[in-house]
Amino acid sequence: MYVNSRHPDLLNLIGNGVGLEEFVFAGSMAIKKNKGFGYALGIAKTRLQENQINKSESNAIKSQKYATPAAASEFAKKYSGLG
């Protein structure tokens, strides 16, 4: 697989803390599907976004002492793009 070490998405992912293990995983998934470097970057980017959402949700839950229906509704609106 050809790798462009100066690709802006690659540099952005590295700057956002994506580590070697994530790139190895993304690269192996791309190779299994006979895809290239761009596909691997897409996998790494998607996994980073999912990780950030999961951390955000976890922090929001931890910050609430008591979960209420109103709080759950507000949370759902915020993260579903409706709020």
Protein backbone atom coordinates (compact mmCIF):
# COMPACT_ATOMS: atom_id res chain seq x y z
CA MET A 1 0.00 0.00 0.00
CA TYR A 2 1.33 3.41 -0.97
CA VAL A 3 1.48 5.82 2.00
CA ASN A 4 1.71 9.59 1.64
CA SER A 5 3.52 10.72 4.80
CA ARG A 6 2.55 14.35 4.13
CA HIS A 7 -1.15 13.76 3.60
CA PRO A 8 -3.05 16.42 5.58
CA ASP A 9 -5.53 13.90 6.98
CA LEU A 10 -2.69 11.67 8.18
CA LEU A 11 -0.97 14.60 9.84
CA ASN A 12 -4.25 15.71 11.41
CA LEU A 13 -4.92 12.25 12.80
CA ILE A 14 -1.43 12.05 14.28
CA GLY A 15 -1.91 15.52 15.77
CA ASN A 16 -5.14 14.33 17.37
CA GLY A 17 -3.37 11.48 19.10
CA VAL A 18 -4.10 8.54 16.83
CA GLY A 19 -1.40 6.01 17.61
CA LEU A 20 0.48 3.40 15.67
CA GLU A 21 -1.87 0.59 16.74
CA GLU A 22 -4.84 2.41 15.20
CA PHE A 23 -2.99 2.96 11.92
CA VAL A 24 -1.92 -0.69 11.80
CA PHE A 25 -5.53 -1.75 12.39
CA ALA A 26 -6.84 0.65 9.73
CA GLY A 27 -4.19 -0.42 7.24
CA SER A 28 -4.88 -4.11 7.76
CA MET A 29 -8.62 -3.55 7.30
CA ALA A 30 -7.97 -1.65 4.07
CA ILE A 31 -5.67 -4.37 2.75
CA LYS A 32 -8.25 -7.08 3.56
CA LYS A 33 -10.76 -5.19 1.40
CA ASN A 34 -8.23 -4.47 -1.36
CA LYS A 35 -8.49 -0.75 -0.66
CA GLY A 36 -5.80 1.88 -0.45
CA PHE A 37 -4.35 4.54 1.78
CA GLY A 38 -7.38 6.84 1.63
CA TYR A 39 -9.63 4.04 2.84
CA ALA A 40 -7.29 3.35 5.76
CA LEU A 41 -7.32 7.04 6.67
CA GLY A 42 -11.10 6.97 6.59
CA ILE A 43 -11.17 4.05 9.01
CA ALA A 44 -8.75 5.78 11.38
CA LYS A 45 -10.74 9.02 11.19
CA THR A 46 -14.05 7.27 11.86
CA ARG A 47 -12.60 5.39 14.83
CA LEU A 48 -11.20 8.64 16.24
CA GLN A 49 -14.60 10.33 15.92
CA GLU A 50 -16.34 7.37 17.56
CA ASN A 51 -13.79 7.44 20.37
CA GLN A 52 -14.37 11.16 20.92
CA ILE A 53 -18.15 10.67 21.00
CA ASN A 54 -17.83 7.79 23.47
CA LYS A 55 -15.57 9.86 25.73
CA SER A 56 -17.95 12.80 25.52
CA GLU A 57 -20.93 10.61 26.40
CA SER A 58 -19.04 8.99 29.24
CA ASN A 59 -18.01 12.36 30.66
CA ALA A 60 -21.56 13.67 30.38
CA ILE A 61 -22.90 10.66 32.25
CA LYS A 62 -20.22 10.94 34.93
CA SER A 63 -20.92 14.63 35.41
CA GLN A 64 -24.55 13.99 36.27
CA LYS A 65 -25.11 12.96 39.85
CA TYR A 66 -28.65 11.80 39.13
CA ALA A 67 -30.00 10.83 35.75
CA THR A 68 -33.46 12.21 35.08
CA PRO A 69 -35.76 11.82 32.09
CA ALA A 70 -35.27 15.51 31.30
CA ALA A 71 -31.50 15.14 31.41
CA ALA A 72 -31.67 12.06 29.19
CA SER A 73 -33.85 13.90 26.69
CA GLU A 74 -31.48 16.88 26.61
CA PHE A 75 -28.51 14.55 26.13
CA ALA A 76 -30.27 12.75 23.26
CA LYS A 77 -31.09 16.04 21.53
CA LYS A 78 -27.53 17.29 21.88
CA TYR A 79 -25.89 14.21 20.42
CA SER A 80 -28.46 13.35 17.78
CA GLY A 81 -27.98 16.68 16.01
CA LEU A 82 -31.46 17.90 16.89
CA GLY A 83 -30.44 20.36 19.61
